[in-house]
Every structure is written in structure tokens, then in C-alpha cells.
Amino acid sequence: MARKNALIQLIWGFVLISAGIMMFIHIPQKLAEIRQHFSSGIFFLRFCFYMISILLVFGGIKKIYDHFSDMERKK
């Protein structure tokens, strides 16, 4: 069961990285759509979107790093 959980955590790490990268790529397009409806607060919104995407990528990297460091400790 522990091995299955470790595999799920590894896959989840890759999913987090993928989501963060895809969000980072799509931010300019989404901000252009948002600018049509709102004119104020764009800087704060841009900051929040980029911060979320960076946190997703670093969270995924941490999960993958933890997975492989746990495997090294078990050897």
C-alpha cells in the first residue's frame, strides 16, 4: 500500500508541475480577456496568477524531490 501511495504522490507532483506551466503560459491570454471587463486591479491580479503558477511548479518539484529522497533513505 505504501508503494502505491508513493506512486500516486509522484504522479501528483508531475500533475502539479504541468498545471503550473500551463497556467503560466495561459496567463497573458486570460488577462487580456479580463481587461475587457475590468480596468483596475490588473497588476494585483497578474501578480496573484503568476504567484499561483509558481507555487504549483515548486510544490510539484518538492513532491518529486521528496519522493526520490525517501527512496534514497530506504536503500
PDB file of N, CA and C in Angstrom:
ATOM      1  N   MET A   1       0.821  -1.196   0.000  1.00  0.00           N
ATOM      2  CA  MET A   1       0.000   0.000   0.000  1.00  0.00           C
ATOM      3  C   MET A   1       0.865   1.261   0.000  1.00  0.00           C
ATOM      4  N   ALA A   2       1.992   1.209   0.722  1.00  0.00           N
ATOM      5  CA  ALA A   2       2.871   2.381   0.788  1.00  0.00           C
ATOM      6  C   ALA A   2       3.474   2.665  -0.581  1.00  0.00           C
ATOM      7  N   ARG A   3       3.767   1.610  -1.327  1.00  0.00           N
ATOM      8  CA  ARG A   3       4.347   1.799  -2.662  1.00  0.00           C
ATOM      9  C   ARG A   3       3.327   2.447  -3.600  1.00  0.00           C
ATOM     10  N   LYS A   4       2.056   2.044  -3.477  1.00  0.00           N
ATOM     11  CA  LYS A   4       1.003   2.630  -4.299  1.00  0.00           C
ATOM     12  C   LYS A   4       0.818   4.105  -3.956  1.00  0.00           C
ATOM     13  N   ASN A   5       0.866   4.418  -2.666  1.00  0.00           N
ATOM     14  CA  ASN A   5       0.730   5.807  -2.232  1.00  0.00           C
ATOM     15  C   ASN A   5       1.908   6.647  -2.736  1.00  0.00           C
ATOM     16  N   ALA A   6       3.107   6.074  -2.727  1.00  0.00           N
ATOM     17  CA  ALA A   6       4.288   6.791  -3.218  1.00  0.00           C
ATOM     18  C   ALA A   6       4.156   7.073  -4.711  1.00  0.00           C
ATOM     19  N   LEU A   7       3.635   6.123  -5.455  1.00  0.00           N
ATOM     20  CA  LEU A   7       3.439   6.315  -6.899  1.00  0.00           C
ATOM     21  C   LEU A   7       2.404   7.402  -7.163  1.00  0.00           C
ATOM     22  N   ILE A   8       1.341   7.411  -6.385  1.00  0.00           N
ATOM     23  CA  ILE A   8       0.309   8.441  -6.532  1.00  0.00           C
ATOM     24  C   ILE A   8       0.895   9.817  -6.232  1.00  0.00           C
ATOM     25  N   GLN A   9       1.726   9.924  -5.202  1.00  0.00           N
ATOM     26  CA  GLN A   9       2.344  11.204  -4.859  1.00  0.00           C
ATOM     27  C   GLN A   9       3.306  11.662  -5.959  1.00  0.00           C
ATOM     28  N   LEU A  10       4.024  10.730  -6.580  1.00  0.00           N
ATOM     29  CA  LEU A  10       4.922  11.069  -7.675  1.00  0.00           C
ATOM     30  C   LEU A  10       4.132  11.590  -8.874  1.00  0.00           C
ATOM     31  N   ILE A  11       3.063  10.908  -9.225  1.00  0.00           N
ATOM     32  CA  ILE A  11       2.211  11.353 -10.334  1.00  0.00           C
ATOM     33  C   ILE A  11       1.604  12.710 -10.012  1.00  0.00           C
ATOM     34  N   TRP A  12       1.173  12.901  -8.771  1.00  0.00           N
ATOM     35  CA  TRP A  12       0.595  14.174  -8.356  1.00  0.00           C
ATOM     36  C   TRP A  12       1.616  15.303  -8.490  1.00  0.00           C
ATOM     37  N   GLY A  13       2.870  15.022  -8.213  1.00  0.00           N
ATOM     38  CA  GLY A  13       3.918  16.020  -8.385  1.00  0.00           C
ATOM     39  C   GLY A  13       4.047  16.445  -9.837  1.00  0.00           C
ATOM     40  N   PHE A  14       4.025  15.484 -10.758  1.00  0.00           N
ATOM     41  CA  PHE A  14       4.102  15.819 -12.177  1.00  0.00           C
ATOM     42  C   PHE A  14       2.864  16.583 -12.651  1.00  0.00           C
ATOM     43  N   VAL A  15       1.709  16.240 -12.098  1.00  0.00           N
ATOM     44  CA  VAL A  15       0.481  16.960 -12.447  1.00  0.00           C
ATOM     45  C   VAL A  15       0.551  18.408 -11.969  1.00  0.00           C
ATOM     46  N   LEU A  16       1.074  18.622 -10.776  1.00  0.00           N
ATOM     47  CA  LEU A  16       1.216  19.991 -10.261  1.00  0.00           C
ATOM     48  C   LEU A  16       2.152  20.819 -11.140  1.00  0.00           C
ATOM     49  N   ILE A  17       3.265  20.227 -11.537  1.00  0.00           N
ATOM     50  CA  ILE A  17       4.202  20.943 -12.404  1.00  0.00           C
ATOM     51  C   ILE A  17       3.544  21.268 -13.741  1.00  0.00           C
ATOM     52  N   SER A  18       2.846  20.315 -14.317  1.00  0.00           N
ATOM     53  CA  SER A  18       2.176  20.548 -15.597  1.00  0.00           C
ATOM     54  C   SER A  18       1.120  21.636 -15.484  1.00  0.00           C
ATOM     55  N   ALA A  19       0.348  21.613 -14.415  1.00  0.00           N
ATOM     56  CA  ALA A  19      -0.683  22.640 -14.225  1.00  0.00           C
ATOM     57  C   ALA A  19      -0.059  24.012 -14.050  1.00  0.00           C
ATOM     58  N   GLY A  20       1.026  24.096 -13.313  1.00  0.00           N
ATOM     59  CA  GLY A  20       1.699  25.374 -13.122  1.00  0.00           C
ATOM     60  C   GLY A  20       2.261  25.928 -14.414  1.00  0.00           C
ATOM     61  N   ILE A  21       2.869  25.063 -15.225  1.00  0.00           N
ATOM     62  CA  ILE A  21       3.429  25.517 -16.504  1.00  0.00           C
ATOM     63  C   ILE A  21       2.326  25.949 -17.458  1.00  0.00           C
ATOM     64  N   MET A  22       1.264  25.183 -17.530  1.00  0.00           N
ATOM     65  CA  MET A  22       0.165  25.545 -18.429  1.00  0.00           C
ATOM     66  C   MET A  22      -0.511  26.841 -17.968  1.00  0.00           C
ATOM     67  N   MET A  23      -0.641  27.024 -16.673  1.00  0.00           N
ATOM     68  CA  MET A  23      -1.218  28.269 -16.175  1.00  0.00           C
ATOM     69  C   MET A  23      -0.304  29.443 -16.507  1.00  0.00           C
ATOM     70  N   PHE A  24       0.998  29.251 -16.356  1.00  0.00           N
ATOM     71  CA  PHE A  24       1.969  30.297 -16.665  1.00  0.00           C
ATOM     72  C   PHE A  24       1.887  30.704 -18.136  1.00  0.00           C
ATOM     73  N   ILE A  25       1.667  29.734 -19.009  1.00  0.00           N
ATOM     74  CA  ILE A  25       1.581  30.003 -20.446  1.00  0.00           C
ATOM     75  C   ILE A  25       0.294  30.754 -20.796  1.00  0.00           C
ATOM     76  N   HIS A  26      -0.810  30.437 -20.124  1.00  0.00           N
ATOM     77  CA  HIS A  26      -2.111  30.999 -20.477  1.00  0.00           C
ATOM     78  C   HIS A  26      -2.455  32.303 -19.753  1.00  0.00           C
ATOM     79  N   ILE A  27      -1.614  32.754 -18.849  1.00  0.00           N
ATOM     80  CA  ILE A  27      -1.918  33.973 -18.095  1.00  0.00           C
ATOM     81  C   ILE A  27      -2.086  35.196 -18.993  1.00  0.00           C
ATOM     82  N   PRO A  28      -1.186  35.463 -19.949  1.00  0.00           N
ATOM     83  CA  PRO A  28      -1.379  36.672 -20.779  1.00  0.00           C
ATOM     84  C   PRO A  28      -2.699  36.674 -21.551  1.00  0.00           C
ATOM     85  N   GLN A  29      -3.094  35.520 -22.052  1.00  0.00           N
ATOM     86  CA  GLN A  29      -4.354  35.433 -22.799  1.00  0.00           C
ATOM     87  C   GLN A  29      -5.541  35.703 -21.874  1.00  0.00           C
ATOM     88  N   LYS A  30      -5.523  35.125 -20.691  1.00  0.00           N
ATOM     89  CA  LYS A  30      -6.634  35.327 -19.756  1.00  0.00           C
ATOM     90  C   LYS A  30      -6.690  36.763 -19.241  1.00  0.00           C
ATOM     91  N   LEU A  31      -5.528  37.368 -19.034  1.00  0.00           N
ATOM     92  CA  LEU A  31      -5.525  38.758 -18.577  1.00  0.00           C
ATOM     93  C   LEU A  31      -6.071  39.693 -19.653  1.00  0.00           C
ATOM     94  N   ALA A  32      -5.814  39.380 -20.920  1.00  0.00           N
ATOM     95  CA  ALA A  32      -6.380  40.196 -21.998  1.00  0.00           C
ATOM     96  C   ALA A  32      -7.911  40.109 -21.993  1.00  0.00           C
ATOM     97  N   GLU A  33      -8.437  38.919 -21.713  1.00  0.00           N
ATOM     98  CA  GLU A  33      -9.888  38.759 -21.631  1.00  0.00           C
ATOM     99  C   GLU A  33     -10.449  39.504 -20.420  1.00  0.00           C
ATOM    100  N   ILE A  34      -9.736  39.459 -19.303  1.00  0.00           N
ATOM    101  CA  ILE A  34     -10.209  40.120 -18.085  1.00  0.00           C
ATOM    102  C   ILE A  34     -10.168  41.636 -18.251  1.00  0.00           C
ATOM    103  N   ARG A  35      -9.171  42.159 -18.963  1.00  0.00           N
ATOM    104  CA  ARG A  35      -9.059  43.607 -19.175  1.00  0.00           C
ATOM    105  C   ARG A  35     -10.270  44.180 -19.901  1.00  0.00           C
ATOM    106  N   GLN A  36     -10.939  43.375 -20.693  1.00  0.00           N
ATOM    107  CA  GLN A  36     -12.118  43.863 -21.400  1.00  0.00           C
ATOM    108  C   GLN A  36     -13.249  44.191 -20.430  1.00  0.00           C
ATOM    109  N   HIS A  37     -13.272  43.514 -19.289  1.00  0.00           N
ATOM    110  CA  HIS A  37     -14.362  43.710 -18.326  1.00  0.00           C
ATOM    111  C   HIS A  37     -13.971  44.604 -17.154  1.00  0.00           C
ATOM    112  N   PHE A  38     -12.695  44.540 -16.739  1.00  0.00           N
ATOM    113  CA  PHE A  38     -12.232  45.309 -15.591  1.00  0.00           C
ATOM    114  C   PHE A  38     -11.014  46.127 -16.003  1.00  0.00           C
ATOM    115  N   SER A  39     -10.935  47.344 -15.541  1.00  0.00           N
ATOM    116  CA  SER A  39      -9.777  48.170 -15.875  1.00  0.00           C
ATOM    117  C   SER A  39      -8.841  48.373 -14.683  1.00  0.00           C
ATOM    118  N   SER A  40      -9.338  48.190 -13.466  1.00  0.00           N
ATOM    119  CA  SER A  40      -8.488  48.408 -12.292  1.00  0.00           C
ATOM    120  C   SER A  40      -8.129  47.067 -11.646  1.00  0.00           C
ATOM    121  N   GLY A  41      -7.006  47.066 -10.970  1.00  0.00           N
ATOM    122  CA  GLY A  41      -6.594  45.867 -10.251  1.00  0.00           C
ATOM    123  C   GLY A  41      -5.907  44.820 -11.104  1.00  0.00           C
ATOM    124  N   ILE A  42      -5.518  45.167 -12.314  1.00  0.00           N
ATOM    125  CA  ILE A  42      -4.892  44.190 -13.205  1.00  0.00           C
ATOM    126  C   ILE A  42      -3.522  43.782 -12.675  1.00  0.00           C
ATOM    127  N   PHE A  43      -2.767  44.745 -12.113  1.00  0.00           N
ATOM    128  CA  PHE A  43      -1.440  44.415 -11.593  1.00  0.00           C
ATOM    129  C   PHE A  43      -1.541  43.379 -10.475  1.00  0.00           C
ATOM    130  N   PHE A  44      -2.471  43.598  -9.546  1.00  0.00           N
ATOM    131  CA  PHE A  44      -2.656  42.661  -8.441  1.00  0.00           C
ATOM    132  C   PHE A  44      -3.094  41.290  -8.952  1.00  0.00           C
ATOM    133  N   LEU A  45      -3.983  41.279  -9.919  1.00  0.00           N
ATOM    134  CA  LEU A  45      -4.452  40.020 -10.489  1.00  0.00           C
ATOM    135  C   LEU A  45      -3.324  39.285 -11.203  1.00  0.00           C
ATOM    136  N   ARG A  46      -2.524  40.021 -11.939  1.00  0.00           N
ATOM    137  CA  ARG A  46      -1.373  39.413 -12.634  1.00  0.00           C
ATOM    138  C   ARG A  46      -0.407  38.807 -11.613  1.00  0.00           C
ATOM    139  N   PHE A  47      -0.132  39.565 -10.550  1.00  0.00           N
ATOM    140  CA  PHE A  47       0.752  39.072  -9.506  1.00  0.00           C
ATOM    141  C   PHE A  47       0.205  37.775  -8.894  1.00  0.00           C
ATOM    142  N   CYS A  48      -1.077  37.746  -8.607  1.00  0.00           N
ATOM    143  CA  CYS A  48      -1.693  36.561  -8.000  1.00  0.00           C
ATOM    144  C   CYS A  48      -1.634  35.354  -8.937  1.00  0.00           C
ATOM    145  N   PHE A  49      -1.939  35.550 -10.197  1.00  0.00           N
ATOM    146  CA  PHE A  49      -1.901  34.446 -11.156  1.00  0.00           C
ATOM    147  C   PHE A  49      -0.491  33.872 -11.288  1.00  0.00           C
ATOM    148  N   TYR A  50       0.493  34.755 -11.422  1.00  0.00           N
ATOM    149  CA  TYR A  50       1.867  34.271 -11.542  1.00  0.00           C
ATOM    150  C   TYR A  50       2.336  33.605 -10.252  1.00  0.00           C
ATOM    151  N   MET A  51       1.936  34.124  -9.104  1.00  0.00           N
ATOM    152  CA  MET A  51       2.317  33.516  -7.833  1.00  0.00           C
ATOM    153  C   MET A  51       1.715  32.121  -7.697  1.00  0.00           C
ATOM    154  N   ILE A  52       0.463  31.960  -8.085  1.00  0.00           N
ATOM    155  CA  ILE A  52      -0.168  30.642  -8.025  1.00  0.00           C
ATOM    156  C   ILE A  52       0.558  29.658  -8.935  1.00  0.00           C
ATOM    157  N   SER A  53       0.899  30.087 -10.147  1.00  0.00           N
ATOM    158  CA  SER A  53       1.573  29.163 -11.065  1.00  0.00           C
ATOM    159  C   SER A  53       2.962  28.805 -10.556  1.00  0.00           C
ATOM    160  N   ILE A  54       3.668  29.751  -9.967  1.00  0.00           N
ATOM    161  CA  ILE A  54       4.994  29.451  -9.412  1.00  0.00           C
ATOM    162  C   ILE A  54       4.875  28.498  -8.227  1.00  0.00           C
ATOM    163  N   LEU A  55       3.880  28.718  -7.370  1.00  0.00           N
ATOM    164  CA  LEU A  55       3.682  27.819  -6.234  1.00  0.00           C
ATOM    165  C   LEU A  55       3.317  26.403  -6.688  1.00  0.00           C
ATOM    166  N   LEU A  56       2.522  26.292  -7.742  1.00  0.00           N
ATOM    167  CA  LEU A  56       2.197  24.966  -8.267  1.00  0.00           C
ATOM    168  C   LEU A  56       3.445  24.239  -8.750  1.00  0.00           C
ATOM    169  N   VAL A  57       4.290  24.938  -9.499  1.00  0.00           N
ATOM    170  CA  VAL A  57       5.515  24.309 -10.016  1.00  0.00           C
ATOM    171  C   VAL A  57       6.432  23.907  -8.866  1.00  0.00           C
ATOM    172  N   PHE A  58       6.670  24.813  -7.921  1.00  0.00           N
ATOM    173  CA  PHE A  58       7.562  24.479  -6.815  1.00  0.00           C
ATOM    174  C   PHE A  58       6.975  23.397  -5.909  1.00  0.00           C
ATOM    175  N   GLY A  59       5.659  23.374  -5.754  1.00  0.00           N
ATOM    176  CA  GLY A  59       5.030  22.302  -4.983  1.00  0.00           C
ATOM    177  C   GLY A  59       5.217  20.951  -5.644  1.00  0.00           C
ATOM    178  N   GLY A  60       5.098  20.911  -6.965  1.00  0.00           N
ATOM    179  CA  GLY A  60       5.329  19.673  -7.696  1.00  0.00           C
ATOM    180  C   GLY A  60       6.773  19.225  -7.618  1.00  0.00           C
ATOM    181  N   ILE A  61       7.691  20.184  -7.729  1.00  0.00           N
ATOM    182  CA  ILE A  61       9.111  19.851  -7.620  1.00  0.00           C
ATOM    183  C   ILE A  61       9.421  19.300  -6.233  1.00  0.00           C
ATOM    184  N   LYS A  62       8.827  19.891  -5.203  1.00  0.00           N
ATOM    185  CA  LYS A  62       9.060  19.411  -3.843  1.00  0.00           C
ATOM    186  C   LYS A  62       8.526  17.995  -3.660  1.00  0.00           C
ATOM    187  N   LYS A  63       7.356  17.705  -4.215  1.00  0.00           N
ATOM    188  CA  LYS A  63       6.805  16.358  -4.102  1.00  0.00           C
ATOM    189  C   LYS A  63       7.713  15.337  -4.780  1.00  0.00           C
ATOM    190  N   ILE A  64       8.197  15.671  -5.961  1.00  0.00           N
ATOM    191  CA  ILE A  64       9.076  14.745  -6.680  1.00  0.00           C
ATOM    192  C   ILE A  64      10.396  14.589  -5.937  1.00  0.00           C
ATOM    193  N   TYR A  65      10.947  15.697  -5.441  1.00  0.00           N
ATOM    194  CA  TYR A  65      12.199  15.627  -4.687  1.00  0.00           C
ATOM    195  C   TYR A  65      12.028  14.772  -3.430  1.00  0.00           C
ATOM    196  N   ASP A  66      10.940  14.971  -2.707  1.00  0.00           N
ATOM    197  CA  ASP A  66      10.680  14.186  -1.503  1.00  0.00           C
ATOM    198  C   ASP A  66      10.532  12.707  -1.831  1.00  0.00           C
ATOM    199  N   HIS A  67       9.894  12.406  -2.957  1.00  0.00           N
ATOM    200  CA  HIS A  67       9.719  11.009  -3.354  1.00  0.00           C
ATOM    201  C   HIS A  67      11.074  10.338  -3.560  1.00  0.00           C
ATOM    202  N   PHE A  68      11.951  10.994  -4.306  1.00  0.00           N
ATOM    203  CA  PHE A  68      13.242  10.373  -4.588  1.00  0.00           C
ATOM    204  C   PHE A  68      14.179  10.406  -3.392  1.00  0.00           C
ATOM    205  N   SER A  69      14.063  11.393  -2.528  1.00  0.00           N
ATOM    206  CA  SER A  69      14.905  11.381  -1.323  1.00  0.00           C
ATOM    207  C   SER A  69      14.454  10.296  -0.354  1.00  0.00           C
ATOM    208  N   ASP A  70      13.148  10.017  -0.307  1.00  0.00           N
ATOM    209  CA  ASP A  70      12.657   8.907   0.528  1.00  0.00           C
ATOM    210  C   ASP A  70      13.160   7.567  -0.020  1.00  0.00           C
ATOM    211  N   MET A  71      13.226   7.452  -1.336  1.00  0.00           N
ATOM    212  CA  MET A  71      13.720   6.203  -1.922  1.00  0.00           C
ATOM    213  C   MET A  71      15.201   6.021  -1.609  1.00  0.00           C
ATOM    214  N   GLU A  72      15.963   7.112  -1.561  1.00  0.00           N
ATOM    215  CA  GLU A  72      17.390   7.017  -1.218  1.00  0.00           C
ATOM    216  C   GLU A  72      17.559   6.608   0.250  1.00  0.00           C
ATOM    217  N   ARG A  73      16.715   7.117   1.129  1.00  0.00           N
ATOM    218  CA  ARG A  73      16.808   6.770   2.552  1.00  0.00           C
ATOM    219  C   ARG A  73      16.463   5.319   2.807  1.00  0.00           C
ATOM    220  N   LYS A  74      15.576   4.747   1.996  1.00  0.00           N
ATOM    221  CA  LYS A  74      15.141   3.364   2.193  1.00  0.00           C
ATOM    222  C   LYS A  74      16.168   2.361   1.708  1.00  0.00           C
ATOM    223  N   LYS A  75      17.146   2.797   0.933  1.00  0.00           N
ATOM    224  CA  LYS A  75      18.154   1.854   0.423  1.00  0.00           C
ATOM    225  C   LYS A  75      19.099   1.409   1.491  1.00  0.00           C
TER     226      LYS A  75
END
